[in-house]
Amino acid sequence: MTHYIAVIHKDRDSGYGVSFPDVPGVVTAADSIDEAIRNAAEVLAFAAEDWSELKGTAFPRPRTIDELRNDPGFNESAEGAVVAAVPFDLNVGQAA
């Protein structure tokens, strides 16, 4: 099993928002950080189910945290955020 890096933000008057630097457009939210991480795994699996059909490309491969740290865009989006590794079975996104 592999992991995707998730960026989790919380604004004062909102829940926890989760996004994935390697899977643009896939987001989720929750009232607690634990729920946000659970939702993150579910939304990744859901997005992978028909990604190839909808996007015309294979589901994006995850970068390591070291690779992401070399990406200025990631560093900017992760500032002030919780960064979490979300487990994911890559085979889910490869069925075609």
PDB file of N, CA and C in Angstrom:
ATOM      1  N   MET A   1       0.850  -1.173   0.000  1.00  0.00           N
ATOM      2  CA  MET A   1       0.000   0.000   0.000  1.00  0.00           C
ATOM      3  C   MET A   1       0.892   1.232   0.000  1.00  0.00           C
ATOM      4  N   THR A   2       0.436   2.237  -0.700  1.00  0.00           N
ATOM      5  CA  THR A   2       1.176   3.493  -0.766  1.00  0.00           C
ATOM      6  C   THR A   2       0.410   4.564   0.009  1.00  0.00           C
ATOM      7  N   HIS A   3       0.954   5.755   0.035  1.00  0.00           N
ATOM      8  CA  HIS A   3       0.322   6.875   0.735  1.00  0.00           C
ATOM      9  C   HIS A   3       0.352   8.119  -0.141  1.00  0.00           C
ATOM     10  N   TYR A   4      -0.718   8.891  -0.063  1.00  0.00           N
ATOM     11  CA  TYR A   4      -0.768  10.206  -0.683  1.00  0.00           C
ATOM     12  C   TYR A   4      -0.641  11.235   0.432  1.00  0.00           C
ATOM     13  N   ILE A   5       0.075  12.288   0.148  1.00  0.00           N
ATOM     14  CA  ILE A   5       0.208  13.365   1.116  1.00  0.00           C
ATOM     15  C   ILE A   5      -1.020  14.261   1.009  1.00  0.00           C
ATOM     16  N   ALA A   6      -1.619  14.528   2.165  1.00  0.00           N
ATOM     17  CA  ALA A   6      -2.779  15.410   2.250  1.00  0.00           C
ATOM     18  C   ALA A   6      -2.378  16.669   3.009  1.00  0.00           C
ATOM     19  N   VAL A   7      -2.945  17.782   2.595  1.00  0.00           N
ATOM     20  CA  VAL A   7      -2.746  19.061   3.267  1.00  0.00           C
ATOM     21  C   VAL A   7      -4.080  19.412   3.924  1.00  0.00           C
ATOM     22  N   ILE A   8      -4.047  19.603   5.231  1.00  0.00           N
ATOM     23  CA  ILE A   8      -5.278  19.832   5.993  1.00  0.00           C
ATOM     24  C   ILE A   8      -5.228  21.225   6.614  1.00  0.00           C
ATOM     25  N   HIS A   9      -6.196  22.046   6.241  1.00  0.00           N
ATOM     26  CA  HIS A   9      -6.296  23.416   6.756  1.00  0.00           C
ATOM     27  C   HIS A   9      -7.544  23.558   7.613  1.00  0.00           C
ATOM     28  N   LYS A  10      -7.461  24.432   8.580  1.00  0.00           N
ATOM     29  CA  LYS A  10      -8.637  24.761   9.395  1.00  0.00           C
ATOM     30  C   LYS A  10      -8.672  26.258   9.587  1.00  0.00           C
ATOM     31  N   ASP A  11      -9.745  26.860   9.108  1.00  0.00           N
ATOM     32  CA  ASP A  11      -9.974  28.273   9.385  1.00  0.00           C
ATOM     33  C   ASP A  11     -10.780  28.383  10.664  1.00  0.00           C
ATOM     34  N   ARG A  12     -10.697  29.498  11.297  1.00  0.00           N
ATOM     35  CA  ARG A  12     -11.353  29.701  12.592  1.00  0.00           C
ATOM     36  C   ARG A  12     -12.841  29.367  12.560  1.00  0.00           C
ATOM     37  N   ASP A  13     -13.546  29.760  11.528  1.00  0.00           N
ATOM     38  CA  ASP A  13     -15.001  29.589  11.471  1.00  0.00           C
ATOM     39  C   ASP A  13     -15.449  28.482  10.526  1.00  0.00           C
ATOM     40  N   SER A  14     -14.603  27.472  10.324  1.00  0.00           N
ATOM     41  CA  SER A  14     -14.979  26.391   9.409  1.00  0.00           C
ATOM     42  C   SER A  14     -14.420  25.062   9.908  1.00  0.00           C
ATOM     43  N   GLY A  15     -14.748  24.015   9.166  1.00  0.00           N
ATOM     44  CA  GLY A  15     -14.219  22.696   9.486  1.00  0.00           C
ATOM     45  C   GLY A  15     -12.823  22.524   8.914  1.00  0.00           C
ATOM     46  N   TYR A  16     -12.376  21.299   8.906  1.00  0.00           N
ATOM     47  CA  TYR A  16     -11.066  20.939   8.368  1.00  0.00           C
ATOM     48  C   TYR A  16     -11.208  20.631   6.884  1.00  0.00           C
ATOM     49  N   GLY A  17     -10.465  21.326   6.052  1.00  0.00           N
ATOM     50  CA  GLY A  17     -10.469  21.093   4.613  1.00  0.00           C
ATOM     51  C   GLY A  17      -9.234  20.312   4.215  1.00  0.00           C
ATOM     52  N   VAL A  18      -9.414  19.315   3.357  1.00  0.00           N
ATOM     53  CA  VAL A  18      -8.322  18.438   2.937  1.00  0.00           C
ATOM     54  C   VAL A  18      -8.154  18.525   1.423  1.00  0.00           C
ATOM     55  N   SER A  19      -6.916  18.676   0.989  1.00  0.00           N
ATOM     56  CA  SER A  19      -6.602  18.619  -0.434  1.00  0.00           C
ATOM     57  C   SER A  19      -5.348  17.770  -0.622  1.00  0.00           C
ATOM     58  N   PHE A  20      -5.103  17.391  -1.861  1.00  0.00           N
ATOM     59  CA  PHE A  20      -3.976  16.507  -2.200  1.00  0.00           C
ATOM     60  C   PHE A  20      -3.133  17.159  -3.289  1.00  0.00           C
ATOM     61  N   PRO A  21      -1.875  17.479  -3.008  1.00  0.00           N
ATOM     62  CA  PRO A  21      -1.030  18.109  -4.018  1.00  0.00           C
ATOM     63  C   PRO A  21      -0.893  17.292  -5.298  1.00  0.00           C
ATOM     64  N   ASP A  22      -0.966  15.977  -5.201  1.00  0.00           N
ATOM     65  CA  ASP A  22      -0.776  15.128  -6.377  1.00  0.00           C
ATOM     66  C   ASP A  22      -2.063  14.758  -7.089  1.00  0.00           C
ATOM     67  N   VAL A  23      -3.204  15.132  -6.516  1.00  0.00           N
ATOM     68  CA  VAL A  23      -4.492  14.796  -7.132  1.00  0.00           C
ATOM     69  C   VAL A  23      -5.338  16.071  -7.153  1.00  0.00           C
ATOM     70  N   PRO A  24      -5.068  16.953  -8.113  1.00  0.00           N
ATOM     71  CA  PRO A  24      -5.762  18.234  -8.167  1.00  0.00           C
ATOM     72  C   PRO A  24      -7.272  18.067  -8.288  1.00  0.00           C
ATOM     73  N   GLY A  25      -7.980  18.910  -7.563  1.00  0.00           N
ATOM     74  CA  GLY A  25      -9.432  18.902  -7.627  1.00  0.00           C
ATOM     75  C   GLY A  25     -10.110  17.935  -6.683  1.00  0.00           C
ATOM     76  N   VAL A  26      -9.354  17.060  -6.047  1.00  0.00           N
ATOM     77  CA  VAL A  26      -9.929  16.116  -5.087  1.00  0.00           C
ATOM     78  C   VAL A  26      -9.790  16.725  -3.705  1.00  0.00           C
ATOM     79  N   VAL A  27     -10.935  17.006  -3.086  1.00  0.00           N
ATOM     80  CA  VAL A  27     -10.964  17.650  -1.767  1.00  0.00           C
ATOM     81  C   VAL A  27     -12.055  17.022  -0.921  1.00  0.00           C
ATOM     82  N   THR A  28     -11.961  17.225   0.367  1.00  0.00           N
ATOM     83  CA  THR A  28     -13.000  16.812   1.295  1.00  0.00           C
ATOM     84  C   THR A  28     -12.914  17.720   2.517  1.00  0.00           C
ATOM     85  N   ALA A  29     -13.903  17.592   3.400  1.00  0.00           N
ATOM     86  CA  ALA A  29     -13.925  18.409   4.614  1.00  0.00           C
ATOM     87  C   ALA A  29     -14.621  17.632   5.720  1.00  0.00           C
ATOM     88  N   ALA A  30     -14.389  18.066   6.953  1.00  0.00           N
ATOM     89  CA  ALA A  30     -15.003  17.419   8.110  1.00  0.00           C
ATOM     90  C   ALA A  30     -14.934  18.348   9.309  1.00  0.00           C
ATOM     91  N   ASP A  31     -15.670  17.975  10.348  1.00  0.00           N
ATOM     92  CA  ASP A  31     -15.694  18.779  11.575  1.00  0.00           C
ATOM     93  C   ASP A  31     -14.523  18.493  12.503  1.00  0.00           C
ATOM     94  N   SER A  32     -13.900  17.309  12.374  1.00  0.00           N
ATOM     95  CA  SER A  32     -12.748  16.971  13.221  1.00  0.00           C
ATOM     96  C   SER A  32     -11.602  16.511  12.329  1.00  0.00           C
ATOM     97  N   ILE A  33     -10.396  16.585  12.861  1.00  0.00           N
ATOM     98  CA  ILE A  33      -9.245  16.162  12.070  1.00  0.00           C
ATOM     99  C   ILE A  33      -9.270  14.654  11.829  1.00  0.00           C
ATOM    100  N   ASP A  34      -9.723  13.875  12.806  1.00  0.00           N
ATOM    101  CA  ASP A  34      -9.809  12.428  12.613  1.00  0.00           C
ATOM    102  C   ASP A  34     -10.782  12.081  11.496  1.00  0.00           C
ATOM    103  N   GLU A  35     -11.927  12.750  11.507  1.00  0.00           N
ATOM    104  CA  GLU A  35     -12.919  12.515  10.459  1.00  0.00           C
ATOM    105  C   GLU A  35     -12.382  12.969   9.099  1.00  0.00           C
ATOM    106  N   ALA A  36     -11.646  14.058   9.089  1.00  0.00           N
ATOM    107  CA  ALA A  36     -11.074  14.563   7.843  1.00  0.00           C
ATOM    108  C   ALA A  36     -10.117  13.542   7.229  1.00  0.00           C
ATOM    109  N   ILE A  37      -9.301  12.910   8.044  1.00  0.00           N
ATOM    110  CA  ILE A  37      -8.355  11.909   7.532  1.00  0.00           C
ATOM    111  C   ILE A  37      -9.103  10.672   7.032  1.00  0.00           C
ATOM    112  N   ARG A  38     -10.134  10.247   7.756  1.00  0.00           N
ATOM    113  CA  ARG A  38     -10.958   9.116   7.269  1.00  0.00           C
ATOM    114  C   ARG A  38     -11.610   9.473   5.936  1.00  0.00           C
ATOM    115  N   ASN A  39     -12.174  10.667   5.858  1.00  0.00           N
ATOM    116  CA  ASN A  39     -12.803  11.105   4.612  1.00  0.00           C
ATOM    117  C   ASN A  39     -11.791  11.194   3.472  1.00  0.00           C
ATOM    118  N   ALA A  40     -10.565  11.572   3.800  1.00  0.00           N
ATOM    119  CA  ALA A  40      -9.526  11.701   2.779  1.00  0.00           C
ATOM    120  C   ALA A  40      -9.277  10.367   2.087  1.00  0.00           C
ATOM    121  N   ALA A  41      -9.195   9.294   2.857  1.00  0.00           N
ATOM    122  CA  ALA A  41      -8.988   7.970   2.260  1.00  0.00           C
ATOM    123  C   ALA A  41     -10.168   7.585   1.380  1.00  0.00           C
ATOM    124  N   GLU A  42     -11.370   7.891   1.833  1.00  0.00           N
ATOM    125  CA  GLU A  42     -12.572   7.554   1.059  1.00  0.00           C
ATOM    126  C   GLU A  42     -12.655   8.363  -0.234  1.00  0.00           C
ATOM    127  N   VAL A  43     -12.357   9.649  -0.177  1.00  0.00           N
ATOM    128  CA  VAL A  43     -12.468  10.478  -1.373  1.00  0.00           C
ATOM    129  C   VAL A  43     -11.410  10.098  -2.406  1.00  0.00           C
ATOM    130  N   LEU A  44     -10.233   9.682  -1.956  1.00  0.00           N
ATOM    131  CA  LEU A  44      -9.220   9.201  -2.904  1.00  0.00           C
ATOM    132  C   LEU A  44      -9.710   7.966  -3.646  1.00  0.00           C
ATOM    133  N   ALA A  45     -10.261   7.012  -2.911  1.00  0.00           N
ATOM    134  CA  ALA A  45     -10.775   5.785  -3.541  1.00  0.00           C
ATOM    135  C   ALA A  45     -11.901   6.114  -4.511  1.00  0.00           C
ATOM    136  N   PHE A  46     -12.789   6.999  -4.124  1.00  0.00           N
ATOM    137  CA  PHE A  46     -13.906   7.388  -4.988  1.00  0.00           C
ATOM    138  C   PHE A  46     -13.399   8.058  -6.260  1.00  0.00           C
ATOM    139  N   ALA A  47     -12.447   8.975  -6.124  1.00  0.00           N
ATOM    140  CA  ALA A  47     -11.901   9.675  -7.293  1.00  0.00           C
ATOM    141  C   ALA A  47     -11.192   8.716  -8.241  1.00  0.00           C
ATOM    142  N   ALA A  48     -10.513   7.719  -7.697  1.00  0.00           N
ATOM    143  CA  ALA A  48      -9.747   6.783  -8.530  1.00  0.00           C
ATOM    144  C   ALA A  48     -10.639   5.854  -9.340  1.00  0.00           C
ATOM    145  N   GLU A  49     -11.846   5.604  -8.857  1.00  0.00           N
ATOM    146  CA  GLU A  49     -12.747   4.639  -9.516  1.00  0.00           C
ATOM    147  C   GLU A  49     -12.950   4.933 -10.988  1.00  0.00           C
ATOM    148  N   ASP A  50     -13.196   6.178 -11.343  1.00  0.00           N
ATOM    149  CA  ASP A  50     -13.460   6.494 -12.751  1.00  0.00           C
ATOM    150  C   ASP A  50     -12.573   7.626 -13.272  1.00  0.00           C
ATOM    151  N   TRP A  51     -11.443   7.834 -12.611  1.00  0.00           N
ATOM    152  CA  TRP A  51     -10.510   8.892 -12.995  1.00  0.00           C
ATOM    153  C   TRP A  51     -10.101   8.771 -14.460  1.00  0.00           C
ATOM    154  N   SER A  52      -9.674   7.576 -14.870  1.00  0.00           N
ATOM    155  CA  SER A  52      -9.192   7.384 -16.242  1.00  0.00           C
ATOM    156  C   SER A  52     -10.273   7.687 -17.259  1.00  0.00           C
ATOM    157  N   GLU A  53     -11.481   7.268 -16.952  1.00  0.00           N
ATOM    158  CA  GLU A  53     -12.602   7.499 -17.870  1.00  0.00           C
ATOM    159  C   GLU A  53     -12.928   8.999 -17.966  1.00  0.00           C
ATOM    160  N   LEU A  54     -12.917   9.680 -16.845  1.00  0.00           N
ATOM    161  CA  LEU A  54     -13.275  11.103 -16.830  1.00  0.00           C
ATOM    162  C   LEU A  54     -12.144  12.010 -17.284  1.00  0.00           C
ATOM    163  N   LYS A  55     -10.932  11.688 -16.898  1.00  0.00           N
ATOM    164  CA  LYS A  55      -9.786  12.566 -17.177  1.00  0.00           C
ATOM    165  C   LYS A  55      -8.971  12.138 -18.390  1.00  0.00           C
ATOM    166  N   GLY A  56      -9.112  10.882 -18.797  1.00  0.00           N
ATOM    167  CA  GLY A  56      -8.343  10.390 -19.930  1.00  0.00           C
ATOM    168  C   GLY A  56      -6.890  10.086 -19.606  1.00  0.00           C
ATOM    169  N   THR A  57      -6.561  10.035 -18.327  1.00  0.00           N
ATOM    170  CA  THR A  57      -5.199   9.713 -17.893  1.00  0.00           C
ATOM    171  C   THR A  57      -5.271   8.746 -16.720  1.00  0.00           C
ATOM    172  N   ALA A  58      -4.150   8.120 -16.433  1.00  0.00           N
ATOM    173  CA  ALA A  58      -4.076   7.244 -15.263  1.00  0.00           C
ATOM    174  C   ALA A  58      -4.176   8.090 -13.995  1.00  0.00           C
ATOM    175  N   PHE A  59      -4.632   7.472 -12.918  1.00  0.00           N
ATOM    176  CA  PHE A  59      -4.698   8.163 -11.637  1.00  0.00           C
ATOM    177  C   PHE A  59      -3.289   8.607 -11.263  1.00  0.00           C
ATOM    178  N   PRO A  60      -3.123   9.845 -10.828  1.00  0.00           N
ATOM    179  CA  PRO A  60      -1.776  10.359 -10.541  1.00  0.00           C
ATOM    180  C   PRO A  60      -1.039   9.529  -9.489  1.00  0.00           C
ATOM    181  N   ARG A  61       0.238   9.354  -9.716  1.00  0.00           N
ATOM    182  CA  ARG A  61       1.091   8.668  -8.743  1.00  0.00           C
ATOM    183  C   ARG A  61       1.470   9.649  -7.637  1.00  0.00           C
ATOM    184  N   PRO A  62       1.596   9.169  -6.422  1.00  0.00           N
ATOM    185  CA  PRO A  62       1.974  10.068  -5.327  1.00  0.00           C
ATOM    186  C   PRO A  62       3.477  10.355  -5.323  1.00  0.00           C
ATOM    187  N   ARG A  63       3.815  11.564  -4.931  1.00  0.00           N
ATOM    188  CA  ARG A  63       5.212  11.898  -4.704  1.00  0.00           C
ATOM    189  C   ARG A  63       5.524  11.673  -3.233  1.00  0.00           C
ATOM    190  N   THR A  64       6.780  11.472  -2.941  1.00  0.00           N
ATOM    191  CA  THR A  64       7.197  11.327  -1.548  1.00  0.00           C
ATOM    192  C   THR A  64       7.176  12.704  -0.886  1.00  0.00           C
ATOM    193  N   ILE A  65       7.212  12.708   0.425  1.00  0.00           N
ATOM    194  CA  ILE A  65       7.257  13.981   1.139  1.00  0.00           C
ATOM    195  C   ILE A  65       8.525  14.745   0.786  1.00  0.00           C
ATOM    196  N   ASP A  66       9.622  14.039   0.550  1.00  0.00           N
ATOM    197  CA  ASP A  66      10.862  14.713   0.156  1.00  0.00           C
ATOM    198  C   ASP A  66      10.722  15.378  -1.211  1.00  0.00           C
ATOM    199  N   GLU A  67      10.075  14.699  -2.155  1.00  0.00           N
ATOM    200  CA  GLU A  67       9.835  15.301  -3.470  1.00  0.00           C
ATOM    201  C   GLU A  67       8.939  16.526  -3.338  1.00  0.00           C
ATOM    202  N   LEU A  68       7.904  16.412  -2.521  1.00  0.00           N
ATOM    203  CA  LEU A  68       6.992  17.539  -2.339  1.00  0.00           C
ATOM    204  C   LEU A  68       7.680  18.726  -1.679  1.00  0.00           C
ATOM    205  N   ARG A  69       8.566  18.465  -0.747  1.00  0.00           N
ATOM    206  CA  ARG A  69       9.276  19.565  -0.074  1.00  0.00           C
ATOM    207  C   ARG A  69      10.154  20.362  -1.029  1.00  0.00           C
ATOM    208  N   ASN A  70      10.501  19.775  -2.158  1.00  0.00           N
ATOM    209  CA  ASN A  70      11.270  20.481  -3.178  1.00  0.00           C
ATOM    210  C   ASN A  70      10.381  21.261  -4.139  1.00  0.00           C
ATOM    211  N   ASP A  71       9.078  21.222  -3.925  1.00  0.00           N
ATOM    212  CA  ASP A  71       8.099  21.900  -4.773  1.00  0.00           C
ATOM    213  C   ASP A  71       7.636  23.171  -4.063  1.00  0.00           C
ATOM    214  N   PRO A  72       7.996  24.343  -4.590  1.00  0.00           N
ATOM    215  CA  PRO A  72       7.603  25.594  -3.934  1.00  0.00           C
ATOM    216  C   PRO A  72       6.086  25.729  -3.772  1.00  0.00           C
ATOM    217  N   GLY A  73       5.321  25.219  -4.719  1.00  0.00           N
ATOM    218  CA  GLY A  73       3.865  25.281  -4.619  1.00  0.00           C
ATOM    219  C   GLY A  73       3.350  24.493  -3.430  1.00  0.00           C
ATOM    220  N   PHE A  74       3.944  23.330  -3.173  1.00  0.00           N
ATOM    221  CA  PHE A  74       3.554  22.543  -2.012  1.00  0.00           C
ATOM    222  C   PHE A  74       3.915  23.286  -0.732  1.00  0.00           C
ATOM    223  N   ASN A  75       5.104  23.819  -0.671  1.00  0.00           N
ATOM    224  CA  ASN A  75       5.527  24.537   0.536  1.00  0.00           C
ATOM    225  C   ASN A  75       4.591  25.694   0.847  1.00  0.00           C
ATOM    226  N   GLU A  76       4.156  26.382  -0.179  1.00  0.00           N
ATOM    227  CA  GLU A  76       3.217  27.487   0.023  1.00  0.00           C
ATOM    228  C   GLU A  76       1.865  26.973   0.526  1.00  0.00           C
ATOM    229  N   SER A  77       1.334  25.918  -0.094  1.00  0.00           N
ATOM    230  CA  SER A  77       0.017  25.404   0.312  1.00  0.00           C
ATOM    231  C   SER A  77       0.061  24.727   1.675  1.00  0.00           C
ATOM    232  N   ALA A  78       1.218  24.223   2.079  1.00  0.00           N
ATOM    233  CA  ALA A  78       1.332  23.517   3.357  1.00  0.00           C
ATOM    234  C   ALA A  78       1.634  24.446   4.525  1.00  0.00           C
ATOM    235  N   GLU A  79       1.921  25.700   4.233  1.00  0.00           N
ATOM    236  CA  GLU A  79       2.236  26.634   5.314  1.00  0.00           C
ATOM    237  C   GLU A  79       1.035  26.783   6.252  1.00  0.00           C
ATOM    238  N   GLY A  80       1.254  26.516   7.527  1.00  0.00           N
ATOM    239  CA  GLY A  80       0.201  26.615   8.523  1.00  0.00           C
ATOM    240  C   GLY A  80      -0.768  25.451   8.527  1.00  0.00           C
ATOM    241  N   ALA A  81      -0.475  24.425   7.758  1.00  0.00           N
ATOM    242  CA  ALA A  81      -1.374  23.274   7.632  1.00  0.00           C
ATOM    243  C   ALA A  81      -0.818  22.056   8.355  1.00  0.00           C
ATOM    244  N   VAL A  82      -1.687  21.104   8.580  1.00  0.00           N
ATOM    245  CA  VAL A  82      -1.272  19.778   9.017  1.00  0.00           C
ATOM    246  C   VAL A  82      -1.020  18.976   7.745  1.00  0.00           C
ATOM    247  N   VAL A  83       0.083  18.268   7.689  1.00  0.00           N
ATOM    248  CA  VAL A  83       0.401  17.424   6.543  1.00  0.00           C
ATOM    249  C   VAL A  83       0.296  15.981   7.017  1.00  0.00           C
ATOM    250  N   ALA A  84      -0.499  15.179   6.292  1.00  0.00           N
ATOM    251  CA  ALA A  84      -0.734  13.793   6.698  1.00  0.00           C
ATOM    252  C   ALA A  84      -0.510  12.858   5.523  1.00  0.00           C
ATOM    253  N   ALA A  85      -0.092  11.632   5.823  1.00  0.00           N
ATOM    254  CA  ALA A  85       0.045  10.582   4.813  1.00  0.00           C
ATOM    255  C   ALA A  85      -1.220   9.735   4.875  1.00  0.00           C
ATOM    256  N   VAL A  86      -1.948   9.685   3.757  1.00  0.00           N
ATOM    257  CA  VAL A  86      -3.216   8.957   3.687  1.00  0.00           C
ATOM    258  C   VAL A  86      -2.990   7.659   2.919  1.00  0.00           C
ATOM    259  N   PRO A  87      -3.279   6.501   3.527  1.00  0.00           N
ATOM    260  CA  PRO A  87      -3.067   5.233   2.838  1.00  0.00           C
ATOM    261  C   PRO A  87      -4.013   5.070   1.654  1.00  0.00           C
ATOM    262  N   PHE A  88      -3.487   4.436   0.607  1.00  0.00           N
ATOM    263  CA  PHE A  88      -4.277   4.240  -0.619  1.00  0.00           C
ATOM    264  C   PHE A  88      -3.741   3.035  -1.379  1.00  0.00           C
ATOM    265  N   ASP A  89      -4.641   2.214  -1.905  1.00  0.00           N
ATOM    266  CA  ASP A  89      -4.283   1.067  -2.730  1.00  0.00           C
ATOM    267  C   ASP A  89      -4.256   1.524  -4.185  1.00  0.00           C
ATOM    268  N   LEU A  90      -3.079   1.650  -4.772  1.00  0.00           N
ATOM    269  CA  LEU A  90      -2.941   2.127  -6.150  1.00  0.00           C
ATOM    270  C   LEU A  90      -3.694   1.282  -7.161  1.00  0.00           C
ATOM    271  N   ASN A  91      -3.944   0.030  -6.875  1.00  0.00           N
ATOM    272  CA  ASN A  91      -4.666  -0.831  -7.815  1.00  0.00           C
ATOM    273  C   ASN A  91      -6.099  -0.374  -8.036  1.00  0.00           C
ATOM    274  N   VAL A  92      -6.659   0.394  -7.119  1.00  0.00           N
ATOM    275  CA  VAL A  92      -8.024   0.889  -7.264  1.00  0.00           C
ATOM    276  C   VAL A  92      -8.126   1.763  -8.505  1.00  0.00           C
ATOM    277  N   GLY A  93      -7.140   2.598  -8.733  1.00  0.00           N
ATOM    278  CA  GLY A  93      -7.186   3.531  -9.852  1.00  0.00           C
ATOM    279  C   GLY A  93      -6.726   2.946 -11.167  1.00  0.00           C
ATOM    280  N   GLN A  94      -6.333   1.664 -11.200  1.00  0.00           N
ATOM    281  CA  GLN A  94      -5.790   1.083 -12.422  1.00  0.00           C
ATOM    282  C   GLN A  94      -6.753   0.146 -13.134  1.00  0.00           C
ATOM    283  N   ALA A  95      -7.927  -0.065 -12.576  1.00  0.00           N
ATOM    284  CA  ALA A  95      -8.896  -0.936 -13.260  1.00  0.00           C
ATOM    285  C   ALA A  95      -9.402  -0.224 -14.508  1.00  0.00           C
ATOM    286  N   ALA A  96      -9.388  -0.942 -15.634  1.00  0.00           N
ATOM    287  CA  ALA A  96      -9.865  -0.322 -16.866  1.00  0.00           C
ATOM    288  C   ALA A  96     -10.465  -1.345 -17.775  1.00  0.00           C
TER     289      ALA A  96
END
